[in-house]
Amino acid sequence: MASKPGILTDWPWKSLGSFKYVILAPWVVHSIYSLIIKDGKERDPVYVLFFPFLLWRTLHNQIWISLSRYRTAKGNNRIVDKSIEFEQVDRESNWDDQILLNGILFYVGYMILPGAAHMPIWRTDGVLLTILLHMGPVEFLYYWLHRALHHHYLYSRYHSHHHSSIVTEPITSVIHPFAEHLAYFILFSIPLLAGIFMRKSSIAAVFGYISYIDFMNNMGHCNFELIPKMLFSIFPPLKYLMYTPSVDQILLNRILFYVGYMILPGAAHMPLWRTDGVLLTILLHMGPVEFLYYWLHRALHHHYLYSRYHSHHHSSIVTEPITCMN
């Protein structure tokens, strides 16, 4: 629970307890009925596959939970070297609520959106459209939504519930109040709705996109590093392109690269090499950047700013390379 719970914190079916799954029963029964009664041309595989896909999402999450708890108990490559508290397990026991919400939105969207029915299994242009929309507007809007959720007003009412888990599990990624989940679903529905309205969507694009989001959420919160360091040694720029469980600082850099690429007119179509550009970068760093950094660093050691911000950096007596990022 958030420190100051806001409106729409609880899920609408919280009072149902373990009987909450009956919410999807009418649609599931109707989809099976339509599969049996209707003939070949009238049958829609999209409608029938919704329920198996929800089961797949549940299984996918459960596999990550089991793997993470096994690695946490084993103690290898743990990022936060602590055990999971029983209070956290109880707090995160409703992780499947977001799958129920996904199912409701699937079935309601199928009934009211004309382009949602009879989608093909695969359309290359639809898959590419989904990828590009996620890399562009969705990543950009997600960055600012996440920043807004860390504002003290929204953080205390919603997002603090997510950050109350110090030792994260894969499902910690989806432990949010109901209102916050609605915001996420609206955001991540942009590529799906665009494909449906443009008549370019496919079963692979819809189910693949949501499975990708599940995979990235689970991997990013699993509390053990599974990406070999050798990959980053062989190809260092990979750290700006790949999301890993211990990459929060690098993730911010990747988002800033995307944002800068979209809003700066000169960021696109750059050549591989320009001698005058390299020299300009070196001279600007040696001149105004070094000068401004010196005075910024001095300002951060003023007692007012130091006590509020910079003292956290100097709390490490024995420094490590990553201390400079804290």
C-alpha atoms as a PDB file:
ATOM      1  CA  MET A   1       0.000   0.000   0.000  1.00  0.00           C
ATOM      2  CA  ALA A   2       1.233   3.504  -0.825  1.00  0.00           C
ATOM      3  CA  SER A   3       2.138   5.826   2.041  1.00  0.00           C
ATOM      4  CA  LYS A   4      -0.875   8.062   1.254  1.00  0.00           C
ATOM      5  CA  PRO A   5      -3.225   5.952  -0.907  1.00  0.00           C
ATOM      6  CA  GLY A   6      -4.978   7.968  -3.607  1.00  0.00           C
ATOM      7  CA  ILE A   7      -8.200   7.364  -5.487  1.00  0.00           C
ATOM      8  CA  LEU A   8      -8.526   4.110  -7.461  1.00  0.00           C
ATOM      9  CA  THR A   9      -5.799   2.463  -5.406  1.00  0.00           C
ATOM     10  CA  ASP A  10      -7.644  -0.824  -4.850  1.00  0.00           C
ATOM     11  CA  TRP A  11      -8.603  -3.124  -7.694  1.00  0.00           C
ATOM     12  CA  PRO A  12     -12.388  -3.204  -8.350  1.00  0.00           C
ATOM     13  CA  TRP A  13     -12.564  -6.947  -7.661  1.00  0.00           C
ATOM     14  CA  LYS A  14     -10.560  -6.906  -4.431  1.00  0.00           C
ATOM     15  CA  SER A  15     -13.613  -7.901  -2.374  1.00  0.00           C
ATOM     16  CA  LEU A  16     -13.997 -11.090  -4.458  1.00  0.00           C
ATOM     17  CA  GLY A  17     -10.741 -12.528  -3.145  1.00  0.00           C
ATOM     18  CA  SER A  18      -9.850 -15.815  -4.835  1.00  0.00           C
ATOM     19  CA  PHE A  19     -13.154 -15.758  -6.749  1.00  0.00           C
ATOM     20  CA  LYS A  20     -11.979 -12.812  -8.870  1.00  0.00           C
ATOM     21  CA  TYR A  21     -11.321 -15.107 -11.829  1.00  0.00           C
ATOM     22  CA  VAL A  22     -15.057 -15.543 -12.431  1.00  0.00           C
ATOM     23  CA  ILE A  23     -15.025 -12.073 -13.985  1.00  0.00           C
ATOM     24  CA  LEU A  24     -13.647 -13.543 -17.203  1.00  0.00           C
ATOM     25  CA  ALA A  25     -15.949 -16.587 -17.159  1.00  0.00           C
ATOM     26  CA  PRO A  26     -18.728 -15.147 -19.424  1.00  0.00           C
ATOM     27  CA  TRP A  27     -16.265 -14.252 -22.196  1.00  0.00           C
ATOM     28  CA  VAL A  28     -14.335 -17.504 -21.904  1.00  0.00           C
ATOM     29  CA  VAL A  29     -17.533 -19.575 -22.085  1.00  0.00           C
ATOM     30  CA  HIS A  30     -18.802 -17.535 -25.040  1.00  0.00           C
ATOM     31  CA  SER A  31     -15.542 -17.926 -26.936  1.00  0.00           C
ATOM     32  CA  ILE A  32     -15.643 -21.713 -26.492  1.00  0.00           C
ATOM     33  CA  TYR A  33     -19.314 -21.732 -27.490  1.00  0.00           C
ATOM     34  CA  SER A  34     -18.562 -19.762 -30.679  1.00  0.00           C
ATOM     35  CA  LEU A  35     -15.734 -22.165 -31.512  1.00  0.00           C
ATOM     36  CA  ILE A  36     -18.108 -25.131 -31.296  1.00  0.00           C
ATOM     37  CA  ILE A  37     -21.236 -23.645 -32.902  1.00  0.00           C
ATOM     38  CA  LYS A  38     -19.900 -21.453 -35.718  1.00  0.00           C
ATOM     39  CA  ASP A  39     -18.630 -22.865 -38.982  1.00  0.00           C
ATOM     40  CA  GLY A  40     -15.125 -22.416 -40.377  1.00  0.00           C
ATOM     41  CA  LYS A  41     -15.498 -18.969 -41.986  1.00  0.00           C
ATOM     42  CA  GLU A  42     -17.333 -17.432 -39.051  1.00  0.00           C
ATOM     43  CA  ARG A  43     -14.893 -18.692 -36.433  1.00  0.00           C
ATOM     44  CA  ASP A  44     -12.410 -16.103 -35.288  1.00  0.00           C
ATOM     45  CA  PRO A  45      -9.131 -17.482 -33.890  1.00  0.00           C
ATOM     46  CA  VAL A  46      -8.405 -14.127 -32.234  1.00  0.00           C
ATOM     47  CA  TYR A  47     -11.432 -14.404 -29.953  1.00  0.00           C
ATOM     48  CA  VAL A  48     -10.649 -18.010 -29.065  1.00  0.00           C
ATOM     49  CA  LEU A  49      -6.937 -17.383 -28.393  1.00  0.00           C
ATOM     50  CA  PHE A  50      -7.466 -14.633 -25.797  1.00  0.00           C
ATOM     51  CA  PHE A  51      -7.912 -17.045 -22.911  1.00  0.00           C
ATOM     52  CA  PRO A  52      -4.942 -19.324 -23.807  1.00  0.00           C
ATOM     53  CA  PHE A  53      -2.810 -16.191 -24.127  1.00  0.00           C
ATOM     54  CA  LEU A  54      -3.806 -15.074 -20.625  1.00  0.00           C
ATOM     55  CA  LEU A  55      -2.824 -18.512 -19.348  1.00  0.00           C
ATOM     56  CA  TRP A  56       0.494 -18.160 -21.164  1.00  0.00           C
ATOM     57  CA  ARG A  57       1.111 -14.801 -19.456  1.00  0.00           C
ATOM     58  CA  THR A  58       0.418 -16.409 -16.068  1.00  0.00           C
ATOM     59  CA  LEU A  59       2.787 -19.311 -16.820  1.00  0.00           C
ATOM     60  CA  HIS A  60       5.458 -16.934 -18.153  1.00  0.00           C
ATOM     61  CA  ASN A  61       5.371 -14.876 -14.966  1.00  0.00           C
ATOM     62  CA  GLN A  62       5.379 -17.977 -12.764  1.00  0.00           C
ATOM     63  CA  ILE A  63       8.476 -19.335 -14.528  1.00  0.00           C
ATOM     64  CA  TRP A  64      10.309 -16.075 -13.806  1.00  0.00           C
ATOM     65  CA  ILE A  65       9.138 -16.104 -10.161  1.00  0.00           C
ATOM     66  CA  SER A  66      10.401 -19.658  -9.627  1.00  0.00           C
ATOM     67  CA  LEU A  67      13.717 -18.946 -11.359  1.00  0.00           C
ATOM     68  CA  SER A  68      14.273 -15.742  -9.399  1.00  0.00           C
ATOM     69  CA  ARG A  69      13.505 -17.328  -6.029  1.00  0.00           C
ATOM     70  CA  TYR A  70      15.778 -20.251  -6.837  1.00  0.00           C
ATOM     71  CA  ARG A  71      18.646 -17.901  -7.726  1.00  0.00           C
ATOM     72  CA  THR A  72      17.933 -15.740  -4.665  1.00  0.00           C
ATOM     73  CA  ALA A  73      18.085 -18.809  -2.409  1.00  0.00           C
ATOM     74  CA  LYS A  74      21.229 -20.027  -4.154  1.00  0.00           C
ATOM     75  CA  GLY A  75      22.887 -16.636  -3.720  1.00  0.00           C
ATOM     76  CA  ASN A  76      24.655 -16.401  -7.090  1.00  0.00           C
ATOM     77  CA  ASN A  77      24.829 -13.049  -8.891  1.00  0.00           C
ATOM     78  CA  ARG A  78      22.317 -11.394  -6.573  1.00  0.00           C
ATOM     79  CA  ILE A  79      22.138  -7.635  -7.080  1.00  0.00           C
ATOM     80  CA  VAL A  80      20.608  -6.868  -3.666  1.00  0.00           C
ATOM     81  CA  ASP A  81      22.190  -9.390  -1.301  1.00  0.00           C
ATOM     82  CA  LYS A  82      19.193  -9.832   0.996  1.00  0.00           C
ATOM     83  CA  SER A  83      16.430 -12.379   1.415  1.00  0.00           C
ATOM     84  CA  ILE A  84      12.788 -11.814   0.529  1.00  0.00           C
ATOM     85  CA  GLU A  85      10.515 -10.876   3.430  1.00  0.00           C
ATOM     86  CA  PHE A  86       7.192 -12.635   4.019  1.00  0.00           C
ATOM     87  CA  GLU A  87       5.495  -9.240   4.109  1.00  0.00           C
ATOM     88  CA  GLN A  88       6.647  -8.596   0.550  1.00  0.00           C
ATOM     89  CA  VAL A  89       5.361 -11.971  -0.623  1.00  0.00           C
ATOM     90  CA  ASP A  90       1.925 -11.177   0.844  1.00  0.00           C
ATOM     91  CA  ARG A  91       1.946  -7.653  -0.622  1.00  0.00           C
ATOM     92  CA  GLU A  92       2.760  -8.952  -4.101  1.00  0.00           C
ATOM     93  CA  SER A  93       0.338 -11.894  -4.054  1.00  0.00           C
ATOM     94  CA  ASN A  94      -2.114 -10.011  -6.305  1.00  0.00           C
ATOM     95  CA  TRP A  95       0.327  -9.824  -9.231  1.00  0.00           C
ATOM     96  CA  ASP A  96      -2.176 -11.559 -11.533  1.00  0.00           C
ATOM     97  CA  ASP A  97      -4.701  -8.701 -11.213  1.00  0.00           C
ATOM     98  CA  GLN A  98      -3.070  -6.963 -14.172  1.00  0.00           C
ATOM     99  CA  ILE A  99      -3.605 -10.110 -16.273  1.00  0.00           C
ATOM    100  CA  LEU A 100      -7.303 -10.044 -15.400  1.00  0.00           C
ATOM    101  CA  LEU A 101      -7.428  -6.380 -16.419  1.00  0.00           C
ATOM    102  CA  ASN A 102      -5.643  -7.278 -19.658  1.00  0.00           C
ATOM    103  CA  GLY A 103      -8.251  -9.950 -20.350  1.00  0.00           C
ATOM    104  CA  ILE A 104     -11.168  -7.581 -19.739  1.00  0.00           C
ATOM    105  CA  LEU A 105      -9.652  -4.961 -22.056  1.00  0.00           C
ATOM    106  CA  PHE A 106      -9.001  -7.630 -24.695  1.00  0.00           C
ATOM    107  CA  TYR A 107     -12.601  -8.862 -24.717  1.00  0.00           C
ATOM    108  CA  VAL A 108     -14.163  -5.380 -24.522  1.00  0.00           C
ATOM    109  CA  GLY A 109     -11.846  -4.066 -27.232  1.00  0.00           C
ATOM    110  CA  TYR A 110     -12.718  -7.039 -29.433  1.00  0.00           C
ATOM    111  CA  MET A 111     -16.420  -6.192 -29.172  1.00  0.00           C
ATOM    112  CA  ILE A 112     -16.171  -2.445 -29.839  1.00  0.00           C
ATOM    113  CA  LEU A 113     -13.232  -2.160 -32.272  1.00  0.00           C
ATOM    114  CA  PRO A 114     -14.107  -3.360 -35.778  1.00  0.00           C
ATOM    115  CA  GLY A 115     -10.479  -3.965 -36.782  1.00  0.00           C
ATOM    116  CA  ALA A 116      -9.818  -6.269 -33.822  1.00  0.00           C
ATOM    117  CA  ALA A 117     -11.638  -9.257 -35.309  1.00  0.00           C
ATOM    118  CA  HIS A 118     -10.277 -11.733 -37.865  1.00  0.00           C
ATOM    119  CA  MET A 119      -6.689 -10.493 -37.659  1.00  0.00           C
ATOM    120  CA  PRO A 120      -4.108 -12.462 -39.665  1.00  0.00           C
ATOM    121  CA  ILE A 121      -1.460 -14.468 -37.854  1.00  0.00           C
ATOM    122  CA  TRP A 122       1.374 -12.332 -39.251  1.00  0.00           C
ATOM    123  CA  ARG A 123       1.826  -9.000 -41.043  1.00  0.00           C
ATOM    124  CA  THR A 124       5.364  -7.709 -41.445  1.00  0.00           C
ATOM    125  CA  ASP A 125       4.332  -4.053 -41.775  1.00  0.00           C
ATOM    126  CA  GLY A 126       2.192  -4.347 -38.631  1.00  0.00           C
ATOM    127  CA  VAL A 127       5.043  -5.868 -36.619  1.00  0.00           C
ATOM    128  CA  LEU A 128       7.436  -3.129 -37.788  1.00  0.00           C
ATOM    129  CA  LEU A 129       4.834  -0.476 -36.958  1.00  0.00           C
ATOM    130  CA  THR A 130       4.499  -1.869 -33.428  1.00  0.00           C
ATOM    131  CA  ILE A 131       8.292  -1.868 -32.915  1.00  0.00           C
ATOM    132  CA  LEU A 132       8.740   1.686 -34.210  1.00  0.00           C
ATOM    133  CA  LEU A 133       5.849   3.083 -32.174  1.00  0.00           C
ATOM    134  CA  HIS A 134       7.254   1.464 -29.045  1.00  0.00           C
ATOM    135  CA  MET A 135      10.774   2.798 -29.674  1.00  0.00           C
ATOM    136  CA  GLY A 136       9.425   6.262 -30.457  1.00  0.00           C
ATOM    137  CA  PRO A 137       6.392   7.769 -28.698  1.00  0.00           C
ATOM    138  CA  VAL A 138       5.879   4.978 -26.144  1.00  0.00           C
ATOM    139  CA  GLU A 139       9.456   5.105 -24.791  1.00  0.00           C
ATOM    140  CA  PHE A 140       9.325   8.900 -24.763  1.00  0.00           C
ATOM    141  CA  LEU A 141       5.970   9.093 -22.947  1.00  0.00           C
ATOM    142  CA  TYR A 142       6.925   6.284 -20.561  1.00  0.00           C
ATOM    143  CA  TYR A 143      10.013   8.222 -19.488  1.00  0.00           C
ATOM    144  CA  TRP A 144       7.942  11.304 -18.593  1.00  0.00           C
ATOM    145  CA  LEU A 145       5.161   9.246 -17.007  1.00  0.00           C
ATOM    146  CA  HIS A 146       7.718   7.519 -14.803  1.00  0.00           C
ATOM    147  CA  ARG A 147       9.258  10.858 -13.862  1.00  0.00           C
ATOM    148  CA  ALA A 148       5.801  12.202 -12.990  1.00  0.00           C
ATOM    149  CA  LEU A 149       5.150   9.158 -10.797  1.00  0.00           C
ATOM    150  CA  HIS A 150       8.288  10.030  -8.822  1.00  0.00           C
ATOM    151  CA  HIS A 151       6.937  13.497  -8.045  1.00  0.00           C
ATOM    152  CA  HIS A 152       6.203  13.575  -4.334  1.00  0.00           C
ATOM    153  CA  TYR A 153       2.429  13.981  -4.841  1.00  0.00           C
ATOM    154  CA  LEU A 154       1.987  10.927  -7.115  1.00  0.00           C
ATOM    155  CA  TYR A 155       4.792   8.964  -5.470  1.00  0.00           C
ATOM    156  CA  SER A 156       3.229   9.100  -2.017  1.00  0.00           C
ATOM    157  CA  ARG A 157      -0.211   8.157  -3.373  1.00  0.00           C
ATOM    158  CA  TYR A 158       0.669   5.508  -5.960  1.00  0.00           C
ATOM    159  CA  HIS A 159       4.244   4.691  -6.970  1.00  0.00           C
ATOM    160  CA  SER A 160       5.642   4.243  -3.446  1.00  0.00           C
ATOM    161  CA  HIS A 161       3.699   0.973  -3.295  1.00  0.00           C
ATOM    162  CA  HIS A 162       5.965  -0.416  -6.028  1.00  0.00           C
ATOM    163  CA  HIS A 163       9.174   0.825  -4.362  1.00  0.00           C
ATOM    164  CA  SER A 164       8.282  -0.591  -0.971  1.00  0.00           C
ATOM    165  CA  SER A 165       9.907  -3.833  -2.187  1.00  0.00           C
ATOM    166  CA  ILE A 166      13.650  -3.438  -1.635  1.00  0.00           C
ATOM    167  CA  VAL A 167      14.582  -6.932  -2.848  1.00  0.00           C
ATOM    168  CA  THR A 168      12.728  -7.046  -6.147  1.00  0.00           C
ATOM    169  CA  GLU A 169      11.178 -10.108  -7.714  1.00  0.00           C
ATOM    170  CA  PRO A 170      10.089 -10.390 -11.365  1.00  0.00           C
ATOM    171  CA  ILE A 171       6.477  -9.679 -10.399  1.00  0.00           C
ATOM    172  CA  THR A 172       7.508  -6.556  -8.476  1.00  0.00           C
ATOM    173  CA  SER A 173       7.434  -4.891 -11.899  1.00  0.00           C
ATOM    174  CA  VAL A 174       3.617  -5.145 -11.989  1.00  0.00           C
ATOM    175  CA  ILE A 175       2.842  -4.393  -8.333  1.00  0.00           C
ATOM    176  CA  HIS A 176       1.095  -1.050  -8.725  1.00  0.00           C
ATOM    177  CA  PRO A 177      -2.218   0.477  -7.636  1.00  0.00           C
ATOM    178  CA  PHE A 178      -5.147   0.130 -10.030  1.00  0.00           C
ATOM    179  CA  ALA A 179      -4.966   3.744 -11.261  1.00  0.00           C
ATOM    180  CA  GLU A 180      -1.275   3.414 -12.124  1.00  0.00           C
ATOM    181  CA  HIS A 181      -1.948   0.250 -14.110  1.00  0.00           C
ATOM    182  CA  LEU A 182      -4.642   2.054 -16.080  1.00  0.00           C
ATOM    183  CA  ALA A 183      -2.074   4.694 -17.051  1.00  0.00           C
ATOM    184  CA  TYR A 184       0.367   1.997 -18.165  1.00  0.00           C
ATOM    185  CA  PHE A 185      -2.270   0.159 -20.186  1.00  0.00           C
ATOM    186  CA  ILE A 186      -3.290   3.371 -21.963  1.00  0.00           C
ATOM    187  CA  LEU A 187       0.348   4.073 -22.797  1.00  0.00           C
ATOM    188  CA  PHE A 188       1.270   0.595 -24.031  1.00  0.00           C
ATOM    189  CA  SER A 189      -1.944   0.303 -26.024  1.00  0.00           C
ATOM    190  CA  ILE A 190      -0.715   2.978 -28.457  1.00  0.00           C
ATOM    191  CA  PRO A 191       1.089   0.538 -30.819  1.00  0.00           C
ATOM    192  CA  LEU A 192      -1.753  -1.996 -30.582  1.00  0.00           C
ATOM    193  CA  LEU A 193      -4.545   0.509 -31.267  1.00  0.00           C
ATOM    194  CA  ALA A 194      -2.553   2.134 -34.087  1.00  0.00           C
ATOM    195  CA  GLY A 195      -2.176  -1.236 -35.796  1.00  0.00           C
ATOM    196  CA  ILE A 196      -5.883  -2.007 -35.384  1.00  0.00           C
ATOM    197  CA  PHE A 197      -7.070   1.379 -36.671  1.00  0.00           C
ATOM    198  CA  MET A 198      -4.662   1.224 -39.632  1.00  0.00           C
ATOM    199  CA  ARG A 199      -5.770  -2.359 -40.412  1.00  0.00           C
ATOM    200  CA  LYS A 200      -2.182  -3.593 -40.129  1.00  0.00           C
ATOM    201  CA  SER A 201      -2.380  -5.505 -36.865  1.00  0.00           C
ATOM    202  CA  SER A 202      -1.827  -9.243 -36.481  1.00  0.00           C
ATOM    203  CA  ILE A 203      -1.995 -11.906 -33.801  1.00  0.00           C
ATOM    204  CA  ALA A 204       1.809 -12.029 -33.680  1.00  0.00           C
ATOM    205  CA  ALA A 205       2.069  -8.253 -33.203  1.00  0.00           C
ATOM    206  CA  VAL A 206      -0.486  -8.101 -30.366  1.00  0.00           C
ATOM    207  CA  PHE A 207       0.543 -11.201 -28.430  1.00  0.00           C
ATOM    208  CA  GLY A 208       4.242 -10.772 -29.196  1.00  0.00           C
ATOM    209  CA  TYR A 209       4.294  -7.159 -28.007  1.00  0.00           C
ATOM    210  CA  ILE A 210       2.652  -7.933 -24.672  1.00  0.00           C
ATOM    211  CA  SER A 211       4.904 -10.979 -24.173  1.00  0.00           C
ATOM    212  CA  TYR A 212       7.917  -8.750 -24.869  1.00  0.00           C
ATOM    213  CA  ILE A 213       6.782  -6.265 -22.205  1.00  0.00           C
ATOM    214  CA  ASP A 214       6.300  -9.136 -19.732  1.00  0.00           C
ATOM    215  CA  PHE A 215       9.759 -10.489 -20.514  1.00  0.00           C
ATOM    216  CA  MET A 216      11.494  -7.136 -20.076  1.00  0.00           C
ATOM    217  CA  ASN A 217       9.591  -6.368 -16.854  1.00  0.00           C
ATOM    218  CA  ASN A 218      10.408  -9.756 -15.359  1.00  0.00           C
ATOM    219  CA  MET A 219      14.045  -9.682 -16.404  1.00  0.00           C
ATOM    220  CA  GLY A 220      14.565  -6.152 -15.137  1.00  0.00           C
ATOM    221  CA  HIS A 221      13.297  -6.955 -11.633  1.00  0.00           C
ATOM    222  CA  CYS A 222      14.600 -10.509 -11.149  1.00  0.00           C
ATOM    223  CA  ASN A 223      17.420  -9.402  -8.764  1.00  0.00           C
ATOM    224  CA  PHE A 224      20.139 -11.452 -10.441  1.00  0.00           C
ATOM    225  CA  GLU A 225      22.329 -10.560 -13.395  1.00  0.00           C
ATOM    226  CA  LEU A 226      21.931 -12.959 -16.288  1.00  0.00           C
ATOM    227  CA  ILE A 227      23.654 -11.017 -19.074  1.00  0.00           C
ATOM    228  CA  PRO A 228      27.342 -12.071 -19.337  1.00  0.00           C
ATOM    229  CA  LYS A 229      29.803  -9.199 -18.838  1.00  0.00           C
ATOM    230  CA  MET A 230      31.763 -10.549 -21.778  1.00  0.00           C
ATOM    231  CA  LEU A 231      29.115  -9.222 -24.172  1.00  0.00           C
ATOM    232  CA  PHE A 232      29.674  -5.652 -22.983  1.00  0.00           C
ATOM    233  CA  SER A 233      33.451  -6.112 -23.202  1.00  0.00           C
ATOM    234  CA  ILE A 234      33.200  -7.307 -26.788  1.00  0.00           C
ATOM    235  CA  PHE A 235      30.714  -4.616 -27.821  1.00  0.00           C
ATOM    236  CA  PRO A 236      30.687  -1.718 -25.294  1.00  0.00           C
ATOM    237  CA  PRO A 237      27.899   0.309 -27.020  1.00  0.00           C
ATOM    238  CA  LEU A 238      25.576  -2.591 -26.191  1.00  0.00           C
ATOM    239  CA  LYS A 239      25.098  -1.097 -22.723  1.00  0.00           C
ATOM    240  CA  TYR A 240      23.157   1.768 -24.336  1.00  0.00           C
ATOM    241  CA  LEU A 241      20.892  -0.604 -26.267  1.00  0.00           C
ATOM    242  CA  MET A 242      20.165  -3.456 -23.825  1.00  0.00           C
ATOM    243  CA  TYR A 243      18.135  -3.394 -20.636  1.00  0.00           C
ATOM    244  CA  THR A 244      19.493  -5.569 -17.828  1.00  0.00           C
ATOM    245  CA  PRO A 245      18.549  -5.985 -14.151  1.00  0.00           C
ATOM    246  CA  SER A 246      21.443  -3.785 -12.969  1.00  0.00           C
ATOM    247  CA  VAL A 247      21.275  -1.148 -15.646  1.00  0.00           C
ATOM    248  CA  ASP A 248      19.133   1.645 -14.165  1.00  0.00           C
ATOM    249  CA  GLN A 249      21.726   4.333 -14.891  1.00  0.00           C
ATOM    250  CA  ILE A 250      22.362   3.003 -18.384  1.00  0.00           C
ATOM    251  CA  LEU A 251      18.604   2.773 -19.060  1.00  0.00           C
ATOM    252  CA  LEU A 252      18.320   6.476 -18.339  1.00  0.00           C
ATOM    253  CA  ASN A 253      21.079   7.161 -20.877  1.00  0.00           C
ATOM    254  CA  ARG A 254      19.303   5.046 -23.493  1.00  0.00           C
ATOM    255  CA  ILE A 255      16.043   6.922 -22.973  1.00  0.00           C
ATOM    256  CA  LEU A 256      17.859  10.262 -23.251  1.00  0.00           C
ATOM    257  CA  PHE A 257      19.407   9.097 -26.533  1.00  0.00           C
ATOM    258  CA  TYR A 258      15.935   8.300 -27.918  1.00  0.00           C
ATOM    259  CA  VAL A 259      14.485  11.602 -26.683  1.00  0.00           C
ATOM    260  CA  GLY A 260      17.379  13.608 -28.088  1.00  0.00           C
ATOM    261  CA  TYR A 261      17.127  11.820 -31.422  1.00  0.00           C
ATOM    262  CA  MET A 262      13.455  12.738 -31.721  1.00  0.00           C
ATOM    263  CA  ILE A 263      13.563  16.390 -30.628  1.00  0.00           C
ATOM    264  CA  LEU A 264      16.954  17.591 -31.919  1.00  0.00           C
ATOM    265  CA  PRO A 265      16.859  18.301 -35.677  1.00  0.00           C
ATOM    266  CA  GLY A 266      20.605  17.666 -36.181  1.00  0.00           C
ATOM    267  CA  ALA A 267      20.646  14.305 -34.376  1.00  0.00           C
ATOM    268  CA  ALA A 268      19.537  12.285 -37.403  1.00  0.00           C
ATOM    269  CA  HIS A 269      21.635  11.209 -40.408  1.00  0.00           C
ATOM    270  CA  MET A 270      24.988  11.988 -38.806  1.00  0.00           C
ATOM    271  CA  PRO A 271      28.137  10.825 -40.667  1.00  0.00           C
ATOM    272  CA  LEU A 272      30.431   8.249 -39.082  1.00  0.00           C
ATOM    273  CA  TRP A 273      33.346  10.709 -38.851  1.00  0.00           C
ATOM    274  CA  ARG A 274      33.983  14.449 -39.113  1.00  0.00           C
ATOM    275  CA  THR A 275      37.391  15.729 -38.046  1.00  0.00           C
ATOM    276  CA  ASP A 276      36.151  19.239 -37.275  1.00  0.00           C
ATOM    277  CA  GLY A 277      33.311  17.767 -35.172  1.00  0.00           C
ATOM    278  CA  VAL A 278      35.711  15.625 -33.117  1.00  0.00           C
ATOM    279  CA  LEU A 279      38.027  18.610 -32.545  1.00  0.00           C
ATOM    280  CA  LEU A 280      35.053  20.795 -31.582  1.00  0.00           C
ATOM    281  CA  THR A 281      33.927  18.203 -29.000  1.00  0.00           C
ATOM    282  CA  ILE A 282      37.426  18.014 -27.486  1.00  0.00           C
ATOM    283  CA  LEU A 283      37.849  21.803 -27.334  1.00  0.00           C
ATOM    284  CA  LEU A 284      34.408  22.376 -25.820  1.00  0.00           C
ATOM    285  CA  HIS A 285      35.101  19.755 -23.150  1.00  0.00           C
ATOM    286  CA  MET A 286      38.535  21.193 -22.321  1.00  0.00           C
ATOM    287  CA  GLY A 287      37.143  24.731 -22.215  1.00  0.00           C
ATOM    288  CA  PRO A 288      33.624  25.664 -21.032  1.00  0.00           C
ATOM    289  CA  VAL A 289      32.611  22.178 -19.840  1.00  0.00           C
ATOM    290  CA  GLU A 290      35.621  21.766 -17.519  1.00  0.00           C
ATOM    291  CA  PHE A 291      35.193  25.360 -16.306  1.00  0.00           C
ATOM    292  CA  LEU A 292      31.469  24.966 -15.571  1.00  0.00           C
ATOM    293  CA  TYR A 293      31.987  21.536 -13.982  1.00  0.00           C
ATOM    294  CA  TYR A 294      34.552  23.025 -11.575  1.00  0.00           C
ATOM    295  CA  TRP A 295      32.138  25.709 -10.364  1.00  0.00           C
ATOM    296  CA  LEU A 296      29.205  23.282 -10.277  1.00  0.00           C
ATOM    297  CA  HIS A 297      31.257  20.919  -8.109  1.00  0.00           C
ATOM    298  CA  ARG A 298      32.228  23.784  -5.815  1.00  0.00           C
ATOM    299  CA  ALA A 299      28.568  24.803  -5.538  1.00  0.00           C
ATOM    300  CA  LEU A 300      27.600  21.227  -4.608  1.00  0.00           C
ATOM    301  CA  HIS A 301      30.046  21.421  -1.683  1.00  0.00           C
ATOM    302  CA  HIS A 302      28.263  24.480  -0.291  1.00  0.00           C
ATOM    303  CA  HIS A 303      26.647  23.397   2.964  1.00  0.00           C
ATOM    304  CA  TYR A 304      23.086  23.979   1.644  1.00  0.00           C
ATOM    305  CA  LEU A 305      23.428  21.794  -1.480  1.00  0.00           C
ATOM    306  CA  TYR A 306      25.858  19.330   0.110  1.00  0.00           C
ATOM    307  CA  SER A 307      23.495  18.394   2.937  1.00  0.00           C
ATOM    308  CA  ARG A 308      20.580  17.900   0.542  1.00  0.00           C
ATOM    309  CA  TYR A 309      22.176  16.251  -2.501  1.00  0.00           C
ATOM    310  CA  HIS A 310      25.934  15.686  -2.711  1.00  0.00           C
ATOM    311  CA  SER A 311      26.475  14.078   0.714  1.00  0.00           C
ATOM    312  CA  HIS A 312      25.005  10.826  -0.659  1.00  0.00           C
ATOM    313  CA  HIS A 313      27.914  10.603  -3.107  1.00  0.00           C
ATOM    314  CA  HIS A 314      30.500  10.992  -0.334  1.00  0.00           C
ATOM    315  CA  SER A 315      28.869   8.394   1.919  1.00  0.00           C
ATOM    316  CA  SER A 316      31.162   5.745   0.333  1.00  0.00           C
ATOM    317  CA  ILE A 317      34.508   5.792   2.133  1.00  0.00           C
ATOM    318  CA  VAL A 318      36.021   3.145  -0.125  1.00  0.00           C
ATOM    319  CA  THR A 319      35.057   4.207  -3.631  1.00  0.00           C
ATOM    320  CA  GLU A 320      34.354   2.021  -6.610  1.00  0.00           C
ATOM    321  CA  PRO A 321      34.070   2.956 -10.306  1.00  0.00           C
ATOM    322  CA  ILE A 322      30.262   3.120  -9.994  1.00  0.00           C
ATOM    323  CA  THR A 323      30.452   5.502  -7.002  1.00  0.00           C
ATOM    324  CA  CYS A 324      30.636   8.401  -9.473  1.00  0.00           C
ATOM    325  CA  MET A 325      27.101   7.565 -10.665  1.00  0.00           C
ATOM    326  CA  ASN A 326      25.524   7.630  -7.201  1.00  0.00           C
END
